PDB file of N, CA and C in Angstrom:
ATOM      1  N   MET A   1      14.688  18.580   2.466  1.00  0.00           N
ATOM      2  CA  MET A   1      13.231  18.215   2.080  1.00  0.00           C
ATOM      3  C   MET A   1      13.230  17.691   0.501  1.00  0.00           C
ATOM      4  N   SER A   2      12.541  16.517   0.493  1.00  0.00           N
ATOM      5  CA  SER A   2      12.528  16.076  -0.948  1.00  0.00           C
ATOM      6  C   SER A   2      11.311  16.599  -2.021  1.00  0.00           C
ATOM      7  N   GLU A   3      11.351  16.864  -3.208  1.00  0.00           N
ATOM      8  CA  GLU A   3      10.612  17.509  -3.962  1.00  0.00           C
ATOM      9  C   GLU A   3       9.329  16.252  -4.211  1.00  0.00           C
ATOM     10  N   PRO A   4       8.060  16.939  -4.526  1.00  0.00           N
ATOM     11  CA  PRO A   4       7.082  16.000  -4.488  1.00  0.00           C
ATOM     12  C   PRO A   4       7.079  15.101  -5.466  1.00  0.00           C
ATOM     13  N   LYS A   5       6.605  13.763  -5.315  1.00  0.00           N
ATOM     14  CA  LYS A   5       6.751  12.717  -6.396  1.00  0.00           C
ATOM     15  C   LYS A   5       5.737  12.612  -7.321  1.00  0.00           C
ATOM     16  N   LEU A   6       6.029  12.697  -8.449  1.00  0.00           N
ATOM     17  CA  LEU A   6       5.018  12.488  -9.569  1.00  0.00           C
ATOM     18  C   LEU A   6       4.500  10.837  -9.766  1.00  0.00           C
ATOM     19  N   LYS A   7       3.079  10.915  -9.987  1.00  0.00           N
ATOM     20  CA  LYS A   7       2.679   9.242 -10.035  1.00  0.00           C
ATOM     21  C   LYS A   7       3.288   8.783 -11.061  1.00  0.00           C
ATOM     22  N   ALA A   8       3.663   7.402 -11.017  1.00  0.00           N
ATOM     23  CA  ALA A   8       4.390   6.771 -12.033  1.00  0.00           C
ATOM     24  C   ALA A   8       3.762   6.812 -13.319  1.00  0.00           C
ATOM     25  N   ARG A   9       2.314   6.375 -13.533  1.00  0.00           N
ATOM     26  CA  ARG A   9       1.665   6.372 -14.561  1.00  0.00           C
ATOM     27  C   ARG A   9       1.808   7.629 -15.455  1.00  0.00           C
ATOM     28  N   LEU A  10       1.688   8.956 -14.701  1.00  0.00           N
ATOM     29  CA  LEU A  10       2.021  10.098 -15.391  1.00  0.00           C
ATOM     30  C   LEU A  10       3.214  10.214 -15.733  1.00  0.00           C
ATOM     31  N   TRP A  11       4.267   9.958 -15.046  1.00  0.00           N
ATOM     32  CA  TRP A  11       5.773  10.069 -15.450  1.00  0.00           C
ATOM     33  C   TRP A  11       5.896   9.301 -16.635  1.00  0.00           C
ATOM     34  N   VAL A  12       5.531   7.791 -16.932  1.00  0.00           N
ATOM     35  CA  VAL A  12       5.633   7.163 -17.889  1.00  0.00           C
ATOM     36  C   VAL A  12       4.814   7.561 -19.397  1.00  0.00           C
ATOM     37  N   GLN A  13       3.631   8.288 -18.937  1.00  0.00           N
ATOM     38  CA  GLN A  13       2.907   8.804 -19.997  1.00  0.00           C
ATOM     39  C   GLN A  13       3.778  10.078 -20.705  1.00  0.00           C
ATOM     40  N   ALA A  14       4.218  10.865 -19.741  1.00  0.00           N
ATOM     41  CA  ALA A  14       5.216  12.190 -20.160  1.00  0.00           C
ATOM     42  C   ALA A  14       6.406  11.636 -20.996  1.00  0.00           C
ATOM     43  N   ALA A  15       7.182  10.384 -20.353  1.00  0.00           N
ATOM     44  CA  ALA A  15       8.286  10.079 -21.225  1.00  0.00           C
ATOM     45  C   ALA A  15       7.908   9.658 -22.493  1.00  0.00           C
ATOM     46  N   ILE A  16       6.970   8.883 -22.571  1.00  0.00           N
ATOM     47  CA  ILE A  16       6.563   8.304 -23.882  1.00  0.00           C
ATOM     48  C   ILE A  16       5.969   9.467 -24.653  1.00  0.00           C
ATOM     49  N   ARG A  17       5.217  10.425 -24.330  1.00  0.00           N
ATOM     50  CA  ARG A  17       5.201  11.472 -25.224  1.00  0.00           C
ATOM     51  C   ARG A  17       6.521  12.362 -25.787  1.00  0.00           C
ATOM     52  N   ARG A  18       7.315  12.439 -24.870  1.00  0.00           N
ATOM     53  CA  ARG A  18       8.539  13.414 -25.074  1.00  0.00           C
ATOM     54  C   ARG A  18       9.352  12.280 -26.034  1.00  0.00           C
ATOM     55  N   CYS A  19       9.372  10.948 -26.081  1.00  0.00           N
ATOM     56  CA  CYS A  19       9.927  10.179 -26.952  1.00  0.00           C
ATOM     57  C   CYS A  19       9.345  10.301 -28.346  1.00  0.00           C
ATOM     58  N   ASP A  20       7.933  10.263 -28.354  1.00  0.00           N
ATOM     59  CA  ASP A  20       7.184  10.554 -29.735  1.00  0.00           C
ATOM     60  C   ASP A  20       7.651  11.939 -30.293  1.00  0.00           C
ATOM     61  N   ILE A  21       7.686  13.133 -29.563  1.00  0.00           N
ATOM     62  CA  ILE A  21       8.111  14.301 -30.173  1.00  0.00           C
ATOM     63  C   ILE A  21       9.574  14.195 -30.755  1.00  0.00           C
ATOM     64  N   LEU A  22      10.490  13.571 -29.958  1.00  0.00           N
ATOM     65  CA  LEU A  22      11.904  13.460 -30.709  1.00  0.00           C
ATOM     66  C   LEU A  22      12.212  12.271 -31.543  1.00  0.00           C
ATOM     67  N   GLY A  23      11.002  11.607 -31.791  1.00  0.00           N
ATOM     68  CA  GLY A  23      11.096  10.508 -32.992  1.00  0.00           C
ATOM     69  C   GLY A  23      11.790   9.203 -32.389  1.00  0.00           C
ATOM     70  N   ILE A  24      11.595   9.313 -31.204  1.00  0.00           N
ATOM     71  CA  ILE A  24      12.318   7.857 -30.528  1.00  0.00           C
ATOM     72  C   ILE A  24      11.146   6.759 -30.396  1.00  0.00           C
ATOM     73  N   PRO A  25      11.428   5.531 -30.870  1.00  0.00           N
ATOM     74  CA  PRO A  25      10.288   4.545 -30.433  1.00  0.00           C
ATOM     75  C   PRO A  25      10.616   4.250 -28.909  1.00  0.00           C
ATOM     76  N   ALA A  26       9.596   4.181 -28.397  1.00  0.00           N
ATOM     77  CA  ALA A  26       9.246   3.771 -26.713  1.00  0.00           C
ATOM     78  C   ALA A  26       8.051   3.022 -26.634  1.00  0.00           C
ATOM     79  N   MET A  27       8.089   2.149 -25.787  1.00  0.00           N
ATOM     80  CA  MET A  27       6.770   1.344 -25.437  1.00  0.00           C
ATOM     81  C   MET A  27       6.734   0.887 -23.899  1.00  0.00           C
ATOM     82  N   VAL A  28       5.778   0.884 -23.346  1.00  0.00           N
ATOM     83  CA  VAL A  28       5.686   0.345 -22.031  1.00  0.00           C
ATOM     84  C   VAL A  28       5.666  -1.332 -22.014  1.00  0.00           C
ATOM     85  N   VAL A  29       6.490  -1.883 -21.516  1.00  0.00           N
ATOM     86  CA  VAL A  29       6.863  -3.390 -21.623  1.00  0.00           C
ATOM     87  C   VAL A  29       5.976  -3.720 -20.299  1.00  0.00           C
ATOM     88  N   ARG A  30       5.894  -3.327 -19.356  1.00  0.00           N
ATOM     89  CA  ARG A  30       5.232  -3.722 -18.107  1.00  0.00           C
ATOM     90  C   ARG A  30       4.471  -2.795 -17.313  1.00  0.00           C
ATOM     91  N   LYS A  31       2.940  -2.556 -17.027  1.00  0.00           N
ATOM     92  CA  LYS A  31       2.424  -1.712 -16.346  1.00  0.00           C
ATOM     93  C   LYS A  31       2.650  -2.176 -14.904  1.00  0.00           C
ATOM     94  N   GLY A  32       3.097  -0.925 -14.061  1.00  0.00           N
ATOM     95  CA  GLY A  32       3.152  -1.269 -12.661  1.00  0.00           C
ATOM     96  C   GLY A  32       1.814  -0.537 -11.856  1.00  0.00           C
ATOM     97  N   ASP A  33       2.081  -0.003 -10.571  1.00  0.00           N
ATOM     98  CA  ASP A  33       1.176   0.538  -9.835  1.00  0.00           C
ATOM     99  C   ASP A  33       0.988   2.041 -10.395  1.00  0.00           C
ATOM    100  N   ALA A  34      -0.056   2.301 -10.617  1.00  0.00           N
ATOM    101  CA  ALA A  34      -0.658   3.642 -11.377  1.00  0.00           C
ATOM    102  C   ALA A  34       0.040   4.874 -10.526  1.00  0.00           C
ATOM    103  N   ASP A  35       0.152   4.848  -9.155  1.00  0.00           N
ATOM    104  CA  ASP A  35       0.527   5.809  -8.119  1.00  0.00           C
ATOM    105  C   ASP A  35       1.789   5.607  -7.810  1.00  0.00           C
ATOM    106  N   ALA A  36       2.520   4.498  -7.382  1.00  0.00           N
ATOM    107  CA  ALA A  36       3.525   4.666  -6.584  1.00  0.00           C
ATOM    108  C   ALA A  36       4.508   3.446  -7.101  1.00  0.00           C
ATOM    109  N   GLY A  37       4.364   2.887  -8.377  1.00  0.00           N
ATOM    110  CA  GLY A  37       5.387   2.090  -8.781  1.00  0.00           C
ATOM    111  C   GLY A  37       6.619   2.759  -9.345  1.00  0.00           C
ATOM    112  N   VAL A  38       7.748   1.871  -9.024  1.00  0.00           N
ATOM    113  CA  VAL A  38       8.921   2.423  -9.543  1.00  0.00           C
ATOM    114  C   VAL A  38       9.257   1.959 -11.125  1.00  0.00           C
ATOM    115  N   VAL A  39      10.118   3.038 -11.425  1.00  0.00           N
ATOM    116  CA  VAL A  39      10.303   2.845 -13.042  1.00  0.00           C
ATOM    117  C   VAL A  39      11.604   2.229 -13.493  1.00  0.00           C
ATOM    118  N   LEU A  40      11.747   1.441 -14.144  1.00  0.00           N
ATOM    119  CA  LEU A  40      12.814   0.962 -14.870  1.00  0.00           C
ATOM    120  C   LEU A  40      12.783   1.310 -16.557  1.00  0.00           C
ATOM    121  N   VAL A  41      13.965   2.067 -17.005  1.00  0.00           N
ATOM    122  CA  VAL A  41      13.948   2.215 -18.347  1.00  0.00           C
ATOM    123  C   VAL A  41      14.965   1.372 -19.067  1.00  0.00           C
ATOM    124  N   LYS A  42      14.636   0.592 -20.087  1.00  0.00           N
ATOM    125  CA  LYS A  42      15.686  -0.061 -20.666  1.00  0.00           C
ATOM    126  C   LYS A  42      15.827   0.792 -21.858  1.00  0.00           C
ATOM    127  N   LEU A  43      17.188   0.958 -22.123  1.00  0.00           N
ATOM    128  CA  LEU A  43      17.784   1.590 -23.430  1.00  0.00           C
ATOM    129  C   LEU A  43      18.321   0.801 -24.355  1.00  0.00           C
ATOM    130  N   ASN A  44      17.506   0.341 -25.263  1.00  0.00           N
ATOM    131  CA  ASN A  44      18.226  -0.660 -26.408  1.00  0.00           C
ATOM    132  C   ASN A  44      18.906   0.099 -27.395  1.00  0.00           C
ATOM    133  N   ARG A  45      20.306   0.019 -27.577  1.00  0.00           N
ATOM    134  CA  ARG A  45      20.918   0.719 -28.279  1.00  0.00           C
ATOM    135  C   ARG A  45      21.417  -0.196 -29.781  1.00  0.00           C
ATOM    136  N   GLY A  46      20.569  -0.997 -29.933  1.00  0.00           N
ATOM    137  CA  GLY A  46      20.775  -1.979 -30.935  1.00  0.00           C
ATOM    138  C   GLY A  46      22.184  -3.022 -30.840  1.00  0.00           C
ATOM    139  N   ALA A  47      23.023  -2.883 -31.798  1.00  0.00           N
ATOM    140  CA  ALA A  47      24.107  -3.696 -31.893  1.00  0.00           C
ATOM    141  C   ALA A  47      25.077  -3.314 -30.661  1.00  0.00           C
ATOM    142  N   ALA A  48      25.085  -2.049 -30.162  1.00  0.00           N
ATOM    143  CA  ALA A  48      25.699  -1.362 -29.235  1.00  0.00           C
ATOM    144  C   ALA A  48      25.326  -2.006 -27.710  1.00  0.00           C
ATOM    145  N   GLY A  49      24.245  -2.559 -27.573  1.00  0.00           N
ATOM    146  CA  GLY A  49      23.972  -3.242 -26.382  1.00  0.00           C
ATOM    147  C   GLY A  49      22.745  -2.266 -25.519  1.00  0.00           C
ATOM    148  N   CYS A  50      22.556  -2.770 -24.612  1.00  0.00           N
ATOM    149  CA  CYS A  50      21.329  -2.340 -23.854  1.00  0.00           C
ATOM    150  C   CYS A  50      21.817  -1.726 -22.168  1.00  0.00           C
ATOM    151  N   GLU A  51      21.121  -0.690 -21.867  1.00  0.00           N
ATOM    152  CA  GLU A  51      21.497  -0.230 -20.501  1.00  0.00           C
ATOM    153  C   GLU A  51      20.019  -0.285 -19.659  1.00  0.00           C
ATOM    154  N   VAL A  52      19.986  -0.395 -18.480  1.00  0.00           N
ATOM    155  CA  VAL A  52      18.743  -0.354 -17.733  1.00  0.00           C
ATOM    156  C   VAL A  52      19.125   0.667 -16.429  1.00  0.00           C
ATOM    157  N   PHE A  53      18.259   1.692 -16.408  1.00  0.00           N
ATOM    158  CA  PHE A  53      18.264   2.843 -15.547  1.00  0.00           C
ATOM    159  C   PHE A  53      17.105   2.694 -14.771  1.00  0.00           C
ATOM    160  N   SER A  54      17.447   2.768 -13.309  1.00  0.00           N
ATOM    161  CA  SER A  54      16.346   2.621 -12.217  1.00  0.00           C
ATOM    162  C   SER A  54      16.265   3.939 -11.540  1.00  0.00           C
ATOM    163  N   GLN A  55      15.034   4.348 -11.284  1.00  0.00           N
ATOM    164  CA  GLN A  55      14.596   5.609 -10.575  1.00  0.00           C
ATOM    165  C   GLN A  55      15.064   5.283  -9.306  1.00  0.00           C
ATOM    166  N   VAL A  56      15.719   6.447  -8.712  1.00  0.00           N
ATOM    167  CA  VAL A  56      16.288   6.548  -7.465  1.00  0.00           C
ATOM    168  C   VAL A  56      16.087   7.932  -7.018  1.00  0.00           C
ATOM    169  N   ARG A  57      16.499   7.960  -5.640  1.00  0.00           N
ATOM    170  CA  ARG A  57      16.356   9.329  -5.253  1.00  0.00           C
ATOM    171  C   ARG A  57      18.036   9.738  -4.663  1.00  0.00           C
ATOM    172  N   ASP A  58      18.401  10.832  -5.006  1.00  0.00           N
ATOM    173  CA  ASP A  58      19.731  11.275  -4.385  1.00  0.00           C
ATOM    174  C   ASP A  58      19.771  11.411  -2.985  1.00  0.00           C
ATOM    175  N   ALA A  59      20.912  11.956  -2.282  1.00  0.00           N
ATOM    176  CA  ALA A  59      20.854  12.236  -0.788  1.00  0.00           C
ATOM    177  C   ALA A  59      20.136  13.357  -0.258  1.00  0.00           C
ATOM    178  N   ALA A  60      19.791  14.190  -1.340  1.00  0.00           N
ATOM    179  CA  ALA A  60      18.686  15.214  -1.058  1.00  0.00           C
ATOM    180  C   ALA A  60      17.219  15.082  -1.369  1.00  0.00           C
ATOM    181  N   GLY A  61      17.074  13.973  -1.639  1.00  0.00           N
ATOM    182  CA  GLY A  61      15.778  13.389  -2.114  1.00  0.00           C
ATOM    183  C   GLY A  61      15.077  13.834  -3.425  1.00  0.00           C
ATOM    184  N   ARG A  62      16.063  14.347  -4.329  1.00  0.00           N
ATOM    185  CA  ARG A  62      15.906  14.745  -5.849  1.00  0.00           C
ATOM    186  C   ARG A  62      15.706  13.426  -6.583  1.00  0.00           C
ATOM    187  N   LEU A  63      14.785  13.400  -7.578  1.00  0.00           N
ATOM    188  CA  LEU A  63      14.814  12.296  -8.477  1.00  0.00           C
ATOM    189  C   LEU A  63      16.003  12.159  -9.385  1.00  0.00           C
ATOM    190  N   ALA A  64      16.810  10.904  -9.313  1.00  0.00           N
ATOM    191  CA  ALA A  64      17.850  10.697 -10.249  1.00  0.00           C
ATOM    192  C   ALA A  64      17.753   9.241 -10.883  1.00  0.00           C
ATOM    193  N   TRP A  65      18.701   8.819 -11.486  1.00  0.00           N
ATOM    194  CA  TRP A  65      18.625   7.537 -12.014  1.00  0.00           C
ATOM    195  C   TRP A  65      19.946   6.886 -11.814  1.00  0.00           C
ATOM    196  N   LEU A  66      19.897   5.604 -11.928  1.00  0.00           N
ATOM    197  CA  LEU A  66      21.132   4.539 -11.512  1.00  0.00           C
ATOM    198  C   LEU A  66      21.265   3.757 -12.719  1.00  0.00           C
ATOM    199  N   ARG A  67      22.344   3.595 -13.319  1.00  0.00           N
ATOM    200  CA  ARG A  67      22.624   2.656 -14.414  1.00  0.00           C
ATOM    201  C   ARG A  67      22.803   1.358 -13.712  1.00  0.00           C
ATOM    202  N   ALA A  68      21.676   0.630 -13.576  1.00  0.00           N
ATOM    203  CA  ALA A  68      21.363  -0.553 -12.903  1.00  0.00           C
ATOM    204  C   ALA A  68      22.380  -1.884 -13.221  1.00  0.00           C
ATOM    205  N   THR A  69      22.417  -1.698 -14.585  1.00  0.00           N
ATOM    206  CA  THR A  69      23.431  -2.919 -15.323  1.00  0.00           C
ATOM    207  C   THR A  69      24.751  -2.661 -15.293  1.00  0.00           C
ATOM    208  N   GLY A  70      25.249  -1.470 -15.046  1.00  0.00           N
ATOM    209  CA  GLY A  70      26.845  -1.073 -14.807  1.00  0.00           C
ATOM    210  C   GLY A  70      26.963   0.063 -15.825  1.00  0.00           C
ATOM    211  N   PRO A  71      28.158   0.283 -15.730  1.00  0.00           N
ATOM    212  CA  PRO A  71      28.592   1.622 -16.408  1.00  0.00           C
ATOM    213  C   PRO A  71      28.763   1.413 -18.085  1.00  0.00           C
ATOM    214  N   GLN A  72      28.745   0.185 -18.231  1.00  0.00           N
ATOM    215  CA  GLN A  72      28.978  -0.040 -19.877  1.00  0.00           C
ATOM    216  C   GLN A  72      27.582  -0.768 -20.221  1.00  0.00           C
ATOM    217  N   PRO A  73      27.250  -0.749 -21.596  1.00  0.00           N
ATOM    218  CA  PRO A  73      26.161  -1.448 -22.078  1.00  0.00           C
ATOM    219  C   PRO A  73      26.359  -2.842 -22.027  1.00  0.00           C
ATOM    220  N   VAL A  74      25.245  -3.697 -21.901  1.00  0.00           N
ATOM    221  CA  VAL A  74      25.427  -5.193 -21.744  1.00  0.00           C
ATOM    222  C   VAL A  74      24.302  -5.683 -22.795  1.00  0.00           C
ATOM    223  N   PRO A  75      24.714  -7.230 -23.186  1.00  0.00           N
ATOM    224  CA  PRO A  75      23.614  -7.814 -24.151  1.00  0.00           C
ATOM    225  C   PRO A  75      22.342  -7.799 -23.547  1.00  0.00           C
ATOM    226  N   GLU A  76      21.417  -7.631 -24.662  1.00  0.00           N
ATOM    227  CA  GLU A  76      20.135  -7.604 -24.394  1.00  0.00           C
ATOM    228  C   GLU A  76      19.473  -8.523 -23.425  1.00  0.00           C
ATOM    229  N   ASP A  77      19.964  -9.730 -23.434  1.00  0.00           N
ATOM    230  CA  ASP A  77      19.300 -11.030 -22.841  1.00  0.00           C
ATOM    231  C   ASP A  77      20.018 -10.673 -21.233  1.00  0.00           C
ATOM    232  N   LYS A  78      21.200 -10.108 -21.113  1.00  0.00           N
ATOM    233  CA  LYS A  78      21.330  -9.505 -19.619  1.00  0.00           C
ATOM    234  C   LYS A  78      20.578  -8.699 -18.953  1.00  0.00           C
ATOM    235  N   ALA A  79      20.203  -7.639 -19.784  1.00  0.00           N
ATOM    236  CA  ALA A  79      19.350  -6.428 -19.430  1.00  0.00           C
ATOM    237  C   ALA A  79      18.016  -7.154 -19.183  1.00  0.00           C
ATOM    238  N   ASP A  80      17.509  -8.092 -19.834  1.00  0.00           N
ATOM    239  CA  ASP A  80      16.154  -8.552 -19.802  1.00  0.00           C
ATOM    240  C   ASP A  80      16.215  -9.421 -18.529  1.00  0.00           C
ATOM    241  N   ALA A  81      17.241 -10.124 -18.156  1.00  0.00           N
ATOM    242  CA  ALA A  81      17.546 -10.963 -17.006  1.00  0.00           C
ATOM    243  C   ALA A  81      17.531 -10.225 -15.702  1.00  0.00           C
ATOM    244  N   TYR A  82      18.015  -8.912 -15.662  1.00  0.00           N
ATOM    245  CA  TYR A  82      17.981  -8.136 -14.823  1.00  0.00           C
ATOM    246  C   TYR A  82      16.796  -7.415 -14.460  1.00  0.00           C
ATOM    247  N   ILE A  83      15.910  -7.076 -15.600  1.00  0.00           N
ATOM    248  CA  ILE A  83      14.589  -6.695 -15.097  1.00  0.00           C
ATOM    249  C   ILE A  83      13.523  -8.046 -14.717  1.00  0.00           C
ATOM    250  N   ALA A  84      13.933  -9.037 -15.136  1.00  0.00           N
ATOM    251  CA  ALA A  84      13.025 -10.058 -14.660  1.00  0.00           C
ATOM    252  C   ALA A  84      13.300 -10.356 -13.186  1.00  0.00           C
ATOM    253  N   ARG A  85      14.486 -10.229 -12.642  1.00  0.00           N
ATOM    254  CA  ARG A  85      14.865 -10.321 -11.505  1.00  0.00           C
ATOM    255  C   ARG A  85      14.023  -9.126 -10.544  1.00  0.00           C
ATOM    256  N   GLN A  86      13.910  -8.064 -11.099  1.00  0.00           N
ATOM    257  CA  GLN A  86      13.386  -6.932 -10.217  1.00  0.00           C
ATOM    258  C   GLN A  86      12.014  -7.091 -10.249  1.00  0.00           C
ATOM    259  N   ARG A  87      11.237  -7.707 -11.262  1.00  0.00           N
ATOM    260  CA  ARG A  87       9.974  -7.779 -11.349  1.00  0.00           C
ATOM    261  C   ARG A  87       9.515  -8.796 -10.425  1.00  0.00           C
ATOM    262  N   GLU A  88      10.394  -9.945 -10.055  1.00  0.00           N
ATOM    263  CA  GLU A  88      10.062 -10.961  -9.075  1.00  0.00           C
ATOM    264  C   GLU A  88      10.227 -10.538  -7.583  1.00  0.00           C
ATOM    265  N   VAL A  89      10.925  -9.258  -7.450  1.00  0.00           N
ATOM    266  CA  VAL A  89      10.803  -8.584  -6.067  1.00  0.00           C
ATOM    267  C   VAL A  89       9.894  -7.629  -5.906  1.00  0.00           C
ATOM    268  N   ASP A  90       9.395  -6.787  -7.164  1.00  0.00           N
ATOM    269  CA  ASP A  90       8.660  -5.584  -6.924  1.00  0.00           C
ATOM    270  C   ASP A  90       7.501  -5.814  -8.068  1.00  0.00           C
ATOM    271  N   TRP A  91       6.316  -6.230  -7.613  1.00  0.00           N
ATOM    272  CA  TRP A  91       5.242  -6.496  -8.555  1.00  0.00           C
ATOM    273  C   TRP A  91       4.546  -5.181  -9.060  1.00  0.00           C
ATOM    274  N   ASP A  92       4.996  -4.181  -8.478  1.00  0.00           N
ATOM    275  CA  ASP A  92       4.445  -2.444  -8.821  1.00  0.00           C
ATOM    276  C   ASP A  92       5.310  -1.989  -9.947  1.00  0.00           C
ATOM    277  N   LEU A  93       6.334  -2.659 -10.428  1.00  0.00           N
ATOM    278  CA  LEU A  93       7.444  -2.039 -11.324  1.00  0.00           C
ATOM    279  C   LEU A  93       6.815  -1.772 -12.590  1.00  0.00           C
ATOM    280  N   TRP A  94       7.371  -0.608 -13.059  1.00  0.00           N
ATOM    281  CA  TRP A  94       7.080  -0.193 -14.484  1.00  0.00           C
ATOM    282  C   TRP A  94       8.260  -0.487 -15.392  1.00  0.00           C
ATOM    283  N   VAL A  95       8.157  -0.841 -16.400  1.00  0.00           N
ATOM    284  CA  VAL A  95       9.386  -1.224 -17.398  1.00  0.00           C
ATOM    285  C   VAL A  95       9.115  -0.346 -18.699  1.00  0.00           C
ATOM    286  N   LEU A  96       9.672   0.569 -19.187  1.00  0.00           N
ATOM    287  CA  LEU A  96       9.620   1.431 -20.302  1.00  0.00           C
ATOM    288  C   LEU A  96      10.909   0.910 -21.218  1.00  0.00           C
ATOM    289  N   GLU A  97      10.642   0.751 -22.373  1.00  0.00           N
ATOM    290  CA  GLU A  97      11.858   0.415 -23.311  1.00  0.00           C
ATOM    291  C   GLU A  97      11.817   1.511 -24.381  1.00  0.00           C
ATOM    292  N   VAL A  98      13.121   1.982 -24.666  1.00  0.00           N
ATOM    293  CA  VAL A  98      13.373   3.098 -25.537  1.00  0.00           C
ATOM    294  C   VAL A  98      14.399   2.489 -26.434  1.00  0.00           C
ATOM    295  N   GLU A  99      14.161   2.650 -27.594  1.00  0.00           N
ATOM    296  CA  GLU A  99      15.102   2.080 -28.830  1.00  0.00           C
ATOM    297  C   GLU A  99      15.752   3.367 -29.416  1.00  0.00           C
ATOM    298  N   ASP A 100      16.781   3.509 -28.926  1.00  0.00           N
ATOM    299  CA  ASP A 100      17.542   4.767 -29.755  1.00  0.00           C
ATOM    300  C   ASP A 100      19.125   4.235 -29.898  1.00  0.00           C
ATOM    301  N   ARG A 101      19.599   4.289 -31.216  1.00  0.00           N
ATOM    302  CA  ARG A 101      21.157   3.894 -31.105  1.00  0.00           C
ATOM    303  C   ARG A 101      22.051   5.067 -30.708  1.00  0.00           C
ATOM    304  N   GLU A 102      21.647   6.250 -30.658  1.00  0.00           N
ATOM    305  CA  GLU A 102      22.272   7.555 -30.253  1.00  0.00           C
ATOM    306  C   GLU A 102      22.159   7.498 -28.826  1.00  0.00           C
ATOM    307  N   GLY A 103      21.503   6.766 -27.937  1.00  0.00           N
ATOM    308  CA  GLY A 103      21.371   6.759 -26.589  1.00  0.00           C
ATOM    309  C   GLY A 103      20.615   7.965 -25.922  1.00  0.00           C
ATOM    310  N   ARG A 104      19.640   8.445 -26.426  1.00  0.00           N
ATOM    311  CA  ARG A 104      18.809   9.404 -26.002  1.00  0.00           C
ATOM    312  C   ARG A 104      17.659   8.910 -25.197  1.00  0.00           C
ATOM    313  N   LEU A 105      17.542   9.448 -23.941  1.00  0.00           N
ATOM    314  CA  LEU A 105      16.583   9.177 -22.751  1.00  0.00           C
ATOM    315  C   LEU A 105      15.501  10.215 -22.805  1.00  0.00           C
ATOM    316  N   PRO A 106      14.355   9.706 -22.151  1.00  0.00           N
ATOM    317  CA  PRO A 106      13.311  10.513 -21.960  1.00  0.00           C
ATOM    318  C   PRO A 106      13.214  11.226 -20.518  1.00  0.00           C
ATOM    319  N   PHE A 107      14.208  11.613 -20.148  1.00  0.00           N
ATOM    320  CA  PHE A 107      14.184  12.266 -18.937  1.00  0.00           C
ATOM    321  C   PHE A 107      15.579  13.156 -18.869  1.00  0.00           C
ATOM    322  N   ASP A 108      15.538  14.092 -18.013  1.00  0.00           N
ATOM    323  CA  ASP A 108      16.464  15.092 -17.651  1.00  0.00           C
ATOM    324  C   ASP A 108      17.245  14.910 -16.430  1.00  0.00           C
ATOM    325  N   GLU A 109      16.849  14.208 -15.478  1.00  0.00           N
ATOM    326  CA  GLU A 109      17.429  14.347 -14.110  1.00  0.00           C
ATOM    327  C   GLU A 109      18.811  13.381 -14.456  1.00  0.00           C
ATOM    328  N   MET A 110      19.701  13.766 -13.255  1.00  0.00           N
ATOM    329  CA  MET A 110      20.864  13.372 -13.400  1.00  0.00           C
ATOM    330  C   MET A 110      20.859  11.767 -13.361  1.00  0.00           C
ATOM    331  N   ILE A 111      22.164  11.330 -13.898  1.00  0.00           N
ATOM    332  CA  ILE A 111      22.263   9.845 -13.836  1.00  0.00           C
ATOM    333  C   ILE A 111      23.651   9.549 -12.836  1.00  0.00           C
ATOM    334  N   LEU A 112      23.431   8.728 -11.955  1.00  0.00           N
ATOM    335  CA  LEU A 112      24.431   8.532 -10.875  1.00  0.00           C
ATOM    336  C   LEU A 112      25.085   7.313 -11.498  1.00  0.00           C
ATOM    337  N   GLY A 113      26.413   7.325 -10.934  1.00  0.00           N
ATOM    338  CA  GLY A 113      27.580   6.250 -11.549  1.00  0.00           C
ATOM    339  C   GLY A 113      27.334   5.020 -11.252  1.00  0.00           C
TER     340      GLY A 113
END
């Protein structure tokens, strides 16, 4: 049985608040559906490149994250192109950009390979 799903708007607000507390710049790049939108998190590590994380559920129904752009950071234009393709498919998509050279993220859930 899967855990209850937090509304997308509330999850994004909590992630931004957590980033604020940690002193990490974060901004909503695109607002999606307040209740059921999927969230993408773009982690911008400056010269080290970017990673895009997609919200998914694991086999047990728990929230997890998938490195949508692969195991290694990619140039920012490739990360942005991935996000643009996903927006064409899902109009309810949220995009949160986090800028942190250390790679800190505003979530505790597991990251899948």
